[in-house]
Amino acid sequence: MTSDLRKKHEMILRHEEQFSYTLAKNVVKKPEASAWMILIPILFVHHIMKINQYKAGVKTFAENILGTKQKALDKAYLEAESGKKVNYEIEDYFSQVSLVADEEKILAQKQVRAIRIMEEHYLAMLNVQGDALEDLIRGVYSNQKEYRGYLRRLAEAEKEVNQYLMDNFHSSQESRIVVRKIEEENEALREEELKFFFQH
């Protein structure tokens, strides 16, 4: 049982890693090459530096996106392994952060709501049989409509987090543009996945 659970945990985690990196690459703007680089070599050196910054940005972005999903997946794994509900307080999800200000506590509460939606999803996947990710998805959701319902609930919770973040922490126009881009790319990637999972 444990080895089967571990296998499913790794399968889901690998998928979420790939999703997070794809999302990051779609959101973080890659520096464009210029014909001038051939004529002025110093521009090529500058471009290489920008590319390295881009790669670091993609990695950091993807790790931050994945971090939330991994919290949810790891808790779901503990519950599936023990067969018991594991109760976490808000502070347990954010042990590395000191939640002092009211705004921080409210943001954490909203984030936990999104995490718990993912936890339910992952726990259900860990509790069905399947050798591929699409088997697990189709084992939990019998059709596109059911799976879309999960995606809609998750997107609504994520948008609530994003809106609160923009209203209270990152209110610049640039931040709003980035957040909207993340939401759009998330939606597009999830729509692609939905069609893939239920193509038959």
N, C-alpha and C. Protein backbone atom coordinates (compact mmCIF):
# COMPACT_ATOMS: atom_id res chain seq x y z
N MET A 1 0.83 -1.22 0.00
CA MET A 1 0.00 0.00 0.00
C MET A 1 0.86 1.26 0.00
N THR A 2 1.88 1.28 0.88
CA THR A 2 2.72 2.46 0.99
C THR A 2 3.50 2.72 -0.30
N SER A 3 4.04 1.65 -0.92
CA SER A 3 4.80 1.83 -2.17
C SER A 3 3.89 2.32 -3.29
N ASP A 4 2.66 1.83 -3.33
CA ASP A 4 1.69 2.28 -4.33
C ASP A 4 1.35 3.75 -4.10
N LEU A 5 1.15 4.11 -2.85
CA LEU A 5 0.87 5.51 -2.50
C LEU A 5 2.04 6.41 -2.88
N ARG A 6 3.25 5.94 -2.57
CA ARG A 6 4.45 6.73 -2.88
C ARG A 6 4.57 6.94 -4.39
N LYS A 7 4.28 5.89 -5.13
CA LYS A 7 4.35 5.96 -6.60
C LYS A 7 3.35 7.01 -7.13
N LYS A 8 2.15 6.99 -6.58
CA LYS A 8 1.14 7.97 -7.02
C LYS A 8 1.53 9.38 -6.59
N HIS A 9 2.07 9.50 -5.38
CA HIS A 9 2.54 10.81 -4.89
C HIS A 9 3.59 11.37 -5.84
N GLU A 10 4.57 10.53 -6.23
CA GLU A 10 5.64 10.98 -7.14
C GLU A 10 5.08 11.34 -8.52
N MET A 11 4.12 10.56 -8.99
CA MET A 11 3.51 10.83 -10.28
C MET A 11 2.81 12.19 -10.29
N ILE A 12 2.05 12.46 -9.23
CA ILE A 12 1.34 13.74 -9.13
C ILE A 12 2.33 14.88 -8.98
N LEU A 13 3.36 14.67 -8.14
CA LEU A 13 4.35 15.72 -7.93
C LEU A 13 5.10 16.06 -9.21
N ARG A 14 5.49 15.03 -9.96
CA ARG A 14 6.19 15.27 -11.25
C ARG A 14 5.31 16.09 -12.19
N HIS A 15 4.04 15.75 -12.22
CA HIS A 15 3.11 16.49 -13.08
C HIS A 15 3.01 17.95 -12.64
N GLU A 16 2.88 18.16 -11.34
CA GLU A 16 2.76 19.54 -10.84
C GLU A 16 4.05 20.33 -11.05
N GLU A 17 5.20 19.67 -10.97
CA GLU A 17 6.47 20.33 -11.27
C GLU A 17 6.48 20.80 -12.72
N GLN A 18 6.08 19.91 -13.61
CA GLN A 18 6.06 20.24 -15.04
C GLN A 18 5.08 21.39 -15.31
N PHE A 19 3.91 21.31 -14.69
CA PHE A 19 2.90 22.37 -14.86
C PHE A 19 3.46 23.71 -14.37
N SER A 20 4.10 23.70 -13.21
CA SER A 20 4.63 24.94 -12.61
C SER A 20 5.70 25.57 -13.49
N TYR A 21 6.58 24.73 -14.05
CA TYR A 21 7.64 25.26 -14.92
C TYR A 21 7.07 25.77 -16.24
N THR A 22 6.08 25.10 -16.78
CA THR A 22 5.43 25.58 -18.00
C THR A 22 4.76 26.91 -17.75
N LEU A 23 4.04 27.01 -16.64
CA LEU A 23 3.39 28.27 -16.27
C LEU A 23 4.43 29.38 -16.12
N ALA A 24 5.53 29.08 -15.44
CA ALA A 24 6.58 30.09 -15.23
C ALA A 24 7.15 30.57 -16.56
N LYS A 25 7.41 29.65 -17.47
CA LYS A 25 7.97 30.03 -18.78
C LYS A 25 6.98 30.87 -19.58
N ASN A 26 5.70 30.62 -19.39
CA ASN A 26 4.69 31.39 -20.11
C ASN A 26 4.49 32.79 -19.53
N VAL A 27 4.83 32.95 -18.26
CA VAL A 27 4.60 34.23 -17.59
C VAL A 27 5.86 35.11 -17.60
N VAL A 28 7.00 34.50 -17.28
CA VAL A 28 8.25 35.27 -17.21
C VAL A 28 8.74 35.53 -18.64
N LYS A 29 8.97 36.80 -18.95
CA LYS A 29 9.32 37.18 -20.32
C LYS A 29 10.78 36.84 -20.62
N LYS A 30 10.99 36.10 -21.71
CA LYS A 30 12.34 35.72 -22.12
C LYS A 30 12.98 36.86 -22.92
N PRO A 31 14.24 37.19 -22.61
CA PRO A 31 14.92 38.26 -23.37
C PRO A 31 15.06 37.87 -24.84
N GLU A 32 14.83 38.83 -25.71
CA GLU A 32 14.91 38.56 -27.15
C GLU A 32 16.32 38.83 -27.65
N ALA A 33 16.76 37.98 -28.58
CA ALA A 33 18.06 38.17 -29.22
C ALA A 33 17.94 39.28 -30.27
N SER A 34 19.07 39.91 -30.57
CA SER A 34 19.08 41.00 -31.53
C SER A 34 20.17 40.76 -32.57
N ALA A 35 19.93 41.19 -33.81
CA ALA A 35 20.93 41.07 -34.87
C ALA A 35 22.17 41.89 -34.54
N TRP A 36 22.01 42.90 -33.71
CA TRP A 36 23.14 43.76 -33.32
C TRP A 36 24.20 42.98 -32.55
N MET A 37 23.81 41.85 -31.96
CA MET A 37 24.76 41.07 -31.17
C MET A 37 25.93 40.57 -32.01
N ILE A 38 25.69 40.34 -33.29
CA ILE A 38 26.74 39.88 -34.19
C ILE A 38 27.77 40.99 -34.41
N LEU A 39 27.27 42.22 -34.52
CA LEU A 39 28.14 43.36 -34.79
C LEU A 39 28.81 43.93 -33.54
N ILE A 40 28.09 43.83 -32.42
CA ILE A 40 28.62 44.40 -31.17
C ILE A 40 28.63 43.29 -30.10
N PRO A 41 29.76 42.59 -29.99
CA PRO A 41 29.84 41.42 -29.08
C PRO A 41 29.43 41.70 -27.64
N ILE A 42 29.67 42.91 -27.14
CA ILE A 42 29.31 43.20 -25.75
C ILE A 42 27.81 43.04 -25.52
N LEU A 43 27.01 43.27 -26.57
CA LEU A 43 25.56 43.07 -26.46
C LEU A 43 25.24 41.60 -26.24
N PHE A 44 26.04 40.72 -26.82
CA PHE A 44 25.83 39.28 -26.64
C PHE A 44 26.10 38.90 -25.18
N VAL A 45 27.16 39.47 -24.61
CA VAL A 45 27.47 39.21 -23.20
C VAL A 45 26.31 39.67 -22.31
N HIS A 46 25.79 40.87 -22.62
CA HIS A 46 24.64 41.40 -21.87
C HIS A 46 23.43 40.48 -22.01
N HIS A 47 23.22 39.96 -23.24
CA HIS A 47 22.09 39.06 -23.50
C HIS A 47 22.23 37.77 -22.67
N ILE A 48 23.45 37.23 -22.60
CA ILE A 48 23.69 36.02 -21.80
C ILE A 48 23.37 36.27 -20.33
N MET A 49 23.74 37.44 -19.83
CA MET A 49 23.42 37.79 -18.45
C MET A 49 21.91 37.84 -18.25
N LYS A 50 21.21 38.44 -19.22
CA LYS A 50 19.75 38.53 -19.13
C LYS A 50 19.11 37.14 -19.20
N ILE A 51 19.66 36.27 -20.03
CA ILE A 51 19.15 34.90 -20.14
C ILE A 51 19.32 34.17 -18.80
N ASN A 52 20.47 34.35 -18.18
CA ASN A 52 20.71 33.71 -16.88
C ASN A 52 19.75 34.22 -15.81
N GLN A 53 19.46 35.53 -15.85
CA GLN A 53 18.47 36.11 -14.93
C GLN A 53 17.08 35.52 -15.21
N TYR A 54 16.79 35.36 -16.51
CA TYR A 54 15.50 34.78 -16.92
C TYR A 54 15.36 33.36 -16.37
N LYS A 55 16.41 32.55 -16.55
CA LYS A 55 16.37 31.16 -16.07
C LYS A 55 16.18 31.10 -14.56
N ALA A 56 16.89 31.98 -13.84
CA ALA A 56 16.76 32.03 -12.38
C ALA A 56 15.34 32.47 -12.00
N GLY A 57 14.79 33.43 -12.75
CA GLY A 57 13.43 33.91 -12.49
C GLY A 57 12.40 32.82 -12.70
N VAL A 58 12.56 32.05 -13.78
CA VAL A 58 11.65 30.94 -14.07
C VAL A 58 11.71 29.91 -12.95
N LYS A 59 12.92 29.58 -12.53
CA LYS A 59 13.11 28.57 -11.47
C LYS A 59 12.46 29.03 -10.17
N THR A 60 12.70 30.27 -9.78
CA THR A 60 12.13 30.80 -8.53
C THR A 60 10.61 30.84 -8.61
N PHE A 61 10.09 31.33 -9.73
CA PHE A 61 8.65 31.43 -9.94
C PHE A 61 8.02 30.04 -9.83
N ALA A 62 8.59 29.07 -10.55
CA ALA A 62 8.04 27.71 -10.56
C ALA A 62 8.08 27.09 -9.17
N GLU A 63 9.18 27.31 -8.45
CA GLU A 63 9.30 26.74 -7.09
C GLU A 63 8.25 27.34 -6.15
N ASN A 64 7.97 28.63 -6.31
CA ASN A 64 6.95 29.28 -5.47
C ASN A 64 5.55 28.73 -5.77
N ILE A 65 5.25 28.56 -7.07
CA ILE A 65 3.95 27.99 -7.46
C ILE A 65 3.84 26.55 -6.94
N LEU A 66 4.92 25.79 -7.11
CA LEU A 66 4.92 24.39 -6.69
C LEU A 66 4.83 24.24 -5.19
N GLY A 67 5.40 25.19 -4.44
CA GLY A 67 5.42 25.09 -2.98
C GLY A 67 4.04 24.93 -2.38
N THR A 68 3.09 25.70 -2.88
CA THR A 68 1.71 25.62 -2.37
C THR A 68 1.11 24.25 -2.69
N LYS A 69 1.34 23.78 -3.91
CA LYS A 69 0.78 22.49 -4.32
C LYS A 69 1.41 21.35 -3.52
N GLN A 70 2.71 21.48 -3.26
CA GLN A 70 3.38 20.42 -2.52
C GLN A 70 2.88 20.34 -1.07
N LYS A 71 2.58 21.48 -0.47
CA LYS A 71 2.00 21.47 0.89
C LYS A 71 0.71 20.65 0.89
N ALA A 72 -0.13 20.92 -0.11
CA ALA A 72 -1.41 20.21 -0.20
C ALA A 72 -1.21 18.73 -0.47
N LEU A 73 -0.30 18.41 -1.39
CA LEU A 73 -0.06 17.01 -1.75
C LEU A 73 0.55 16.23 -0.59
N ASP A 74 1.50 16.83 0.12
CA ASP A 74 2.14 16.13 1.24
C ASP A 74 1.15 15.84 2.37
N LYS A 75 0.26 16.80 2.63
CA LYS A 75 -0.75 16.57 3.67
C LYS A 75 -1.74 15.48 3.24
N ALA A 76 -2.13 15.51 1.97
CA ALA A 76 -3.02 14.48 1.44
C ALA A 76 -2.36 13.10 1.55
N TYR A 77 -1.06 13.05 1.28
CA TYR A 77 -0.32 11.79 1.38
C TYR A 77 -0.33 11.26 2.82
N LEU A 78 -0.10 12.15 3.80
CA LEU A 78 -0.13 11.74 5.21
C LEU A 78 -1.49 11.15 5.58
N GLU A 79 -2.54 11.79 5.08
CA GLU A 79 -3.89 11.31 5.39
C GLU A 79 -4.17 9.97 4.72
N ALA A 80 -3.74 9.83 3.46
CA ALA A 80 -3.97 8.57 2.73
C ALA A 80 -3.18 7.44 3.38
N GLU A 81 -1.98 7.74 3.82
CA GLU A 81 -1.11 6.73 4.43
C GLU A 81 -1.64 6.28 5.79
N SER A 82 -2.10 7.24 6.60
CA SER A 82 -2.57 6.91 7.95
C SER A 82 -4.04 6.49 7.97
N GLY A 83 -4.78 6.90 6.96
CA GLY A 83 -6.21 6.63 6.94
C GLY A 83 -6.98 7.50 7.90
N LYS A 84 -6.31 8.54 8.41
CA LYS A 84 -6.95 9.45 9.37
C LYS A 84 -6.84 10.89 8.88
N LYS A 85 -7.83 11.67 9.24
CA LYS A 85 -7.80 13.10 8.93
C LYS A 85 -6.70 13.77 9.73
N VAL A 86 -5.86 14.55 9.03
CA VAL A 86 -4.79 15.29 9.69
C VAL A 86 -5.23 16.74 9.79
N ASN A 87 -5.35 17.23 11.02
CA ASN A 87 -5.81 18.60 11.22
C ASN A 87 -4.63 19.56 11.33
N TYR A 88 -4.60 20.51 10.41
CA TYR A 88 -3.56 21.54 10.42
C TYR A 88 -4.20 22.87 10.77
N GLU A 89 -3.51 23.63 11.60
CA GLU A 89 -3.89 25.02 11.83
C GLU A 89 -3.26 25.86 10.72
N ILE A 90 -3.73 27.07 10.57
CA ILE A 90 -3.19 27.95 9.53
C ILE A 90 -1.68 28.11 9.69
N GLU A 91 -1.22 28.23 10.93
CA GLU A 91 0.21 28.41 11.20
C GLU A 91 1.03 27.21 10.74
N ASP A 92 0.42 26.01 10.74
CA ASP A 92 1.15 24.81 10.32
C ASP A 92 1.49 24.85 8.83
N TYR A 93 0.66 25.52 8.06
CA TYR A 93 0.91 25.63 6.62
C TYR A 93 2.03 26.63 6.33
N PHE A 94 2.19 27.60 7.22
CA PHE A 94 3.15 28.68 7.00
C PHE A 94 4.10 28.80 8.19
N SER A 95 4.71 27.69 8.55
CA SER A 95 5.56 27.66 9.75
C SER A 95 6.79 28.57 9.62
N GLN A 96 7.22 28.83 8.38
CA GLN A 96 8.41 29.67 8.18
C GLN A 96 8.09 31.16 8.17
N VAL A 97 6.80 31.50 8.28
CA VAL A 97 6.38 32.90 8.23
C VAL A 97 5.72 33.28 9.56
N SER A 98 6.06 34.46 10.04
CA SER A 98 5.42 34.96 11.26
C SER A 98 4.18 35.76 10.88
N LEU A 99 3.02 35.22 11.19
CA LEU A 99 1.76 35.88 10.84
C LEU A 99 1.35 36.81 11.98
N VAL A 100 1.76 38.06 11.88
CA VAL A 100 1.52 39.02 12.96
C VAL A 100 0.39 39.98 12.60
N ALA A 101 0.52 40.67 11.48
CA ALA A 101 -0.48 41.67 11.07
C ALA A 101 -1.78 40.99 10.65
N ASP A 102 -2.89 41.68 10.86
CA ASP A 102 -4.20 41.14 10.47
C ASP A 102 -4.26 40.84 8.99
N GLU A 103 -3.65 41.72 8.17
CA GLU A 103 -3.65 41.50 6.72
C GLU A 103 -2.95 40.20 6.34
N GLU A 104 -1.86 39.89 7.06
CA GLU A 104 -1.12 38.65 6.80
C GLU A 104 -1.96 37.43 7.18
N LYS A 105 -2.67 37.53 8.31
CA LYS A 105 -3.51 36.42 8.76
C LYS A 105 -4.65 36.17 7.79
N ILE A 106 -5.26 37.24 7.30
CA ILE A 106 -6.37 37.11 6.35
C ILE A 106 -5.88 36.50 5.04
N LEU A 107 -4.71 36.97 4.58
CA LEU A 107 -4.13 36.41 3.35
C LEU A 107 -3.85 34.92 3.52
N ALA A 108 -3.29 34.55 4.68
CA ALA A 108 -2.99 33.14 4.95
C ALA A 108 -4.28 32.30 4.96
N GLN A 109 -5.35 32.84 5.56
CA GLN A 109 -6.64 32.13 5.59
C GLN A 109 -7.15 31.87 4.17
N LYS A 110 -7.03 32.89 3.33
CA LYS A 110 -7.49 32.74 1.95
C LYS A 110 -6.63 31.73 1.19
N GLN A 111 -5.33 31.76 1.45
CA GLN A 111 -4.42 30.81 0.81
C GLN A 111 -4.72 29.38 1.27
N VAL A 112 -5.01 29.22 2.54
CA VAL A 112 -5.33 27.89 3.08
C VAL A 112 -6.60 27.34 2.44
N ARG A 113 -7.55 28.21 2.15
CA ARG A 113 -8.77 27.75 1.47
C ARG A 113 -8.42 27.10 0.13
N ALA A 114 -7.53 27.73 -0.63
CA ALA A 114 -7.10 27.17 -1.92
C ALA A 114 -6.33 25.86 -1.71
N ILE A 115 -5.47 25.84 -0.70
CA ILE A 115 -4.69 24.63 -0.42
C ILE A 115 -5.61 23.47 -0.07
N ARG A 116 -6.63 23.74 0.72
CA ARG A 116 -7.54 22.66 1.15
C ARG A 116 -8.36 22.10 -0.02
N ILE A 117 -8.67 22.95 -0.99
CA ILE A 117 -9.35 22.45 -2.20
C ILE A 117 -8.42 21.49 -2.93
N MET A 118 -7.13 21.84 -3.01
CA MET A 118 -6.15 20.95 -3.66
C MET A 118 -5.95 19.68 -2.84
N GLU A 119 -5.94 19.80 -1.52
CA GLU A 119 -5.78 18.62 -0.65
C GLU A 119 -6.86 17.58 -0.94
N GLU A 120 -8.10 18.03 -1.01
CA GLU A 120 -9.22 17.11 -1.29
C GLU A 120 -9.02 16.42 -2.63
N HIS A 121 -8.60 17.20 -3.61
CA HIS A 121 -8.35 16.69 -4.97
C HIS A 121 -7.24 15.64 -4.94
N TYR A 122 -6.12 15.96 -4.31
CA TYR A 122 -4.99 15.02 -4.26
C TYR A 122 -5.33 13.78 -3.45
N LEU A 123 -6.03 13.95 -2.33
CA LEU A 123 -6.39 12.81 -1.50
C LEU A 123 -7.27 11.84 -2.29
N ALA A 124 -8.22 12.38 -3.02
CA ALA A 124 -9.08 11.53 -3.85
C ALA A 124 -8.26 10.78 -4.89
N MET A 125 -7.28 11.46 -5.49
CA MET A 125 -6.41 10.82 -6.50
C MET A 125 -5.56 9.72 -5.88
N LEU A 126 -5.07 9.97 -4.68
CA LEU A 126 -4.23 8.97 -4.00
C LEU A 126 -5.04 7.74 -3.60
N ASN A 127 -6.35 7.89 -3.49
CA ASN A 127 -7.20 6.79 -3.02
C ASN A 127 -7.86 5.99 -4.14
N VAL A 128 -7.51 6.29 -5.40
CA VAL A 128 -8.03 5.48 -6.51
C VAL A 128 -6.88 4.74 -7.18
N GLN A 129 -7.21 3.72 -7.93
CA GLN A 129 -6.20 2.92 -8.63
C GLN A 129 -5.88 3.54 -9.98
N GLY A 130 -4.63 3.40 -10.38
CA GLY A 130 -4.23 3.89 -11.70
C GLY A 130 -2.73 3.89 -11.86
N ASP A 131 -2.28 3.64 -13.08
CA ASP A 131 -0.84 3.60 -13.37
C ASP A 131 -0.36 4.87 -14.06
N ALA A 132 -1.29 5.73 -14.46
CA ALA A 132 -0.94 6.99 -15.11
C ALA A 132 -1.78 8.10 -14.49
N LEU A 133 -1.31 9.32 -14.62
CA LEU A 133 -2.01 10.45 -14.02
C LEU A 133 -3.46 10.54 -14.52
N GLU A 134 -3.63 10.34 -15.84
CA GLU A 134 -4.99 10.44 -16.39
C GLU A 134 -5.92 9.37 -15.81
N ASP A 135 -5.36 8.20 -15.43
CA ASP A 135 -6.17 7.16 -14.77
C ASP A 135 -6.67 7.66 -13.41
N LEU A 136 -5.78 8.33 -12.69
CA LEU A 136 -6.15 8.85 -11.38
C LEU A 136 -7.22 9.93 -11.50
N ILE A 137 -7.01 10.84 -12.46
CA ILE A 137 -7.99 11.92 -12.68
C ILE A 137 -9.34 11.34 -13.05
N ARG A 138 -9.34 10.40 -14.00
CA ARG A 138 -10.62 9.82 -14.44
C ARG A 138 -11.22 8.89 -13.39
N GLY A 139 -10.38 8.42 -12.46
CA GLY A 139 -10.90 7.61 -11.36
C GLY A 139 -11.65 8.45 -10.34
N VAL A 140 -11.30 9.74 -10.27
CA VAL A 140 -11.96 10.65 -9.32
C VAL A 140 -13.11 11.39 -9.98
N TYR A 141 -12.88 11.84 -11.20
CA TYR A 141 -13.89 12.65 -11.93
C TYR A 141 -14.37 11.84 -13.13
N SER A 142 -15.66 11.56 -13.16
CA SER A 142 -16.18 10.68 -14.21
C SER A 142 -16.33 11.36 -15.57
N ASN A 143 -16.28 12.70 -15.58
CA ASN A 143 -16.40 13.40 -16.87
C ASN A 143 -15.78 14.80 -16.78
N GLN A 144 -15.72 15.47 -17.93
CA GLN A 144 -15.15 16.81 -18.00
C GLN A 144 -15.85 17.79 -17.07
N LYS A 145 -17.16 17.66 -16.99
CA LYS A 145 -17.94 18.61 -16.20
C LYS A 145 -17.53 18.55 -14.73
N GLU A 146 -17.37 17.35 -14.20
CA GLU A 146 -16.97 17.19 -12.79
C GLU A 146 -15.57 17.77 -12.55
N TYR A 147 -14.65 17.46 -13.47
CA TYR A 147 -13.28 17.96 -13.31
C TYR A 147 -13.25 19.48 -13.45
N ARG A 148 -14.03 20.01 -14.37
CA ARG A 148 -14.11 21.46 -14.54
C ARG A 148 -14.65 22.13 -13.27
N GLY A 149 -15.54 21.44 -12.58
CA GLY A 149 -16.08 21.95 -11.32
C GLY A 149 -14.97 22.14 -10.29
N TYR A 150 -14.06 21.15 -10.21
CA TYR A 150 -12.91 21.27 -9.31
C TYR A 150 -12.03 22.45 -9.73
N LEU A 151 -11.72 22.53 -11.03
CA LEU A 151 -10.86 23.61 -11.53
C LEU A 151 -11.48 24.99 -11.26
N ARG A 152 -12.80 25.08 -11.40
CA ARG A 152 -13.48 26.36 -11.17
C ARG A 152 -13.40 26.76 -9.69
N ARG A 153 -13.62 25.80 -8.79
CA ARG A 153 -13.53 26.10 -7.35
C ARG A 153 -12.12 26.55 -6.99
N LEU A 154 -11.12 25.86 -7.55
CA LEU A 154 -9.73 26.21 -7.27
C LEU A 154 -9.40 27.60 -7.82
N ALA A 155 -9.81 27.86 -9.05
CA ALA A 155 -9.53 29.16 -9.67
C ALA A 155 -10.18 30.30 -8.88
N GLU A 156 -11.39 30.08 -8.40
CA GLU A 156 -12.08 31.12 -7.62
C GLU A 156 -11.32 31.41 -6.32
N ALA A 157 -10.85 30.35 -5.66
CA ALA A 157 -10.09 30.53 -4.41
C ALA A 157 -8.77 31.24 -4.69
N GLU A 158 -8.11 30.87 -5.78
CA GLU A 158 -6.84 31.51 -6.14
C GLU A 158 -7.04 32.99 -6.49
N LYS A 159 -8.12 33.29 -7.20
CA LYS A 159 -8.40 34.68 -7.56
C LYS A 159 -8.70 35.53 -6.32
N GLU A 160 -9.33 34.92 -5.35
CA GLU A 160 -9.60 35.63 -4.09
C GLU A 160 -8.29 35.98 -3.38
N VAL A 161 -7.35 35.03 -3.38
CA VAL A 161 -6.02 35.27 -2.81
C VAL A 161 -5.34 36.41 -3.58
N ASN A 162 -5.35 36.29 -4.91
CA ASN A 162 -4.68 37.29 -5.75
C ASN A 162 -5.25 38.69 -5.56
N GLN A 163 -6.58 38.76 -5.47
CA GLN A 163 -7.22 40.07 -5.31
C GLN A 163 -6.84 40.70 -3.98
N TYR A 164 -6.85 39.87 -2.93
CA TYR A 164 -6.48 40.39 -1.62
C TYR A 164 -5.02 40.83 -1.60
N LEU A 165 -4.19 40.05 -2.27
CA LEU A 165 -2.76 40.39 -2.37
C LEU A 165 -2.57 41.73 -3.08
N MET A 166 -3.29 41.94 -4.17
CA MET A 166 -3.17 43.20 -4.91
C MET A 166 -3.75 44.37 -4.13
N ASP A 167 -4.82 44.14 -3.41
CA ASP A 167 -5.47 45.22 -2.65
C ASP A 167 -4.66 45.64 -1.43
N ASN A 168 -3.88 44.71 -0.86
CA ASN A 168 -3.23 44.99 0.42
C ASN A 168 -1.70 44.94 0.43
N PHE A 169 -1.09 44.32 -0.57
CA PHE A 169 0.36 44.17 -0.55
C PHE A 169 1.05 44.66 -1.82
N HIS A 170 0.51 44.27 -2.96
CA HIS A 170 1.15 44.62 -4.25
C HIS A 170 0.13 45.33 -5.13
N SER A 171 0.00 46.61 -4.93
CA SER A 171 -1.07 47.36 -5.61
C SER A 171 -0.62 48.05 -6.89
N SER A 172 0.63 47.88 -7.30
CA SER A 172 1.12 48.57 -8.49
C SER A 172 0.47 47.99 -9.75
N GLN A 173 0.45 48.79 -10.78
CA GLN A 173 -0.10 48.36 -12.06
C GLN A 173 0.68 47.18 -12.62
N GLU A 174 1.98 47.21 -12.43
CA GLU A 174 2.84 46.12 -12.91
C GLU A 174 2.46 44.80 -12.23
N SER A 175 2.23 44.86 -10.92
CA SER A 175 1.82 43.65 -10.18
C SER A 175 0.50 43.11 -10.70
N ARG A 176 -0.43 44.01 -10.96
CA ARG A 176 -1.74 43.60 -11.47
C ARG A 176 -1.62 42.92 -12.84
N ILE A 177 -0.75 43.45 -13.68
CA ILE A 177 -0.54 42.85 -15.01
C ILE A 177 0.02 41.44 -14.87
N VAL A 178 0.99 41.28 -13.98
CA VAL A 178 1.61 39.96 -13.78
C VAL A 178 0.59 38.97 -13.23
N VAL A 179 -0.18 39.39 -12.24
CA VAL A 179 -1.18 38.50 -11.63
C VAL A 179 -2.22 38.07 -12.67
N ARG A 180 -2.69 39.01 -13.47
CA ARG A 180 -3.68 38.68 -14.51
C ARG A 180 -3.08 37.71 -15.53
N LYS A 181 -1.81 37.91 -15.87
CA LYS A 181 -1.12 37.01 -16.80
C LYS A 181 -1.04 35.61 -16.22
N ILE A 182 -0.72 35.51 -14.93
CA ILE A 182 -0.66 34.21 -14.26
C ILE A 182 -2.03 33.53 -14.33
N GLU A 183 -3.08 34.27 -14.03
CA GLU A 183 -4.44 33.70 -14.05
C GLU A 183 -4.81 33.23 -15.45
N GLU A 184 -4.50 34.03 -16.45
CA GLU A 184 -4.83 33.66 -17.84
C GLU A 184 -4.07 32.41 -18.27
N GLU A 185 -2.78 32.36 -17.98
CA GLU A 185 -1.97 31.21 -18.38
C GLU A 185 -2.38 29.96 -17.61
N ASN A 186 -2.69 30.11 -16.33
CA ASN A 186 -3.19 29.00 -15.53
C ASN A 186 -4.45 28.41 -16.16
N GLU A 187 -5.37 29.29 -16.50
CA GLU A 187 -6.64 28.85 -17.10
C GLU A 187 -6.41 28.12 -18.42
N ALA A 188 -5.52 28.67 -19.25
CA ALA A 188 -5.25 28.06 -20.56
C ALA A 188 -4.61 26.68 -20.39
N LEU A 189 -3.64 26.56 -19.50
CA LEU A 189 -2.98 25.27 -19.27
C LEU A 189 -3.94 24.24 -18.69
N ARG A 190 -4.79 24.67 -17.77
CA ARG A 190 -5.76 23.74 -17.17
C ARG A 190 -6.79 23.28 -18.20
N GLU A 191 -7.15 24.17 -19.11
CA GLU A 191 -8.09 23.80 -20.17
C GLU A 191 -7.46 22.75 -21.09
N GLU A 192 -6.18 22.92 -21.39
CA GLU A 192 -5.46 21.93 -22.21
C GLU A 192 -5.44 20.57 -21.50
N GLU A 193 -5.15 20.60 -20.21
CA GLU A 193 -5.10 19.36 -19.43
C GLU A 193 -6.46 18.67 -19.41
N LEU A 194 -7.50 19.46 -19.19
CA LEU A 194 -8.86 18.91 -19.14
C LEU A 194 -9.17 18.16 -20.43
N LYS A 195 -8.82 18.76 -21.56
CA LYS A 195 -9.09 18.10 -22.86
C LYS A 195 -8.26 16.84 -23.01
N PHE A 196 -7.01 16.89 -22.51
CA PHE A 196 -6.16 15.71 -22.59
C PHE A 196 -6.69 14.57 -21.71
N PHE A 197 -7.05 14.88 -20.48
CA PHE A 197 -7.52 13.86 -19.55
C PHE A 197 -8.82 13.19 -20.01
N PHE A 198 -9.65 13.96 -20.70
CA PHE A 198 -10.97 13.42 -21.10
C PHE A 198 -11.13 13.42 -22.61
N GLN A 199 -10.07 13.03 -23.31
CA GLN A 199 -10.11 13.01 -24.77
C GLN A 199 -10.86 11.82 -25.33
N HIS A 200 -11.07 10.79 -24.50
CA HIS A 200 -11.74 9.56 -25.00
C HIS A 200 -13.25 9.66 -24.85
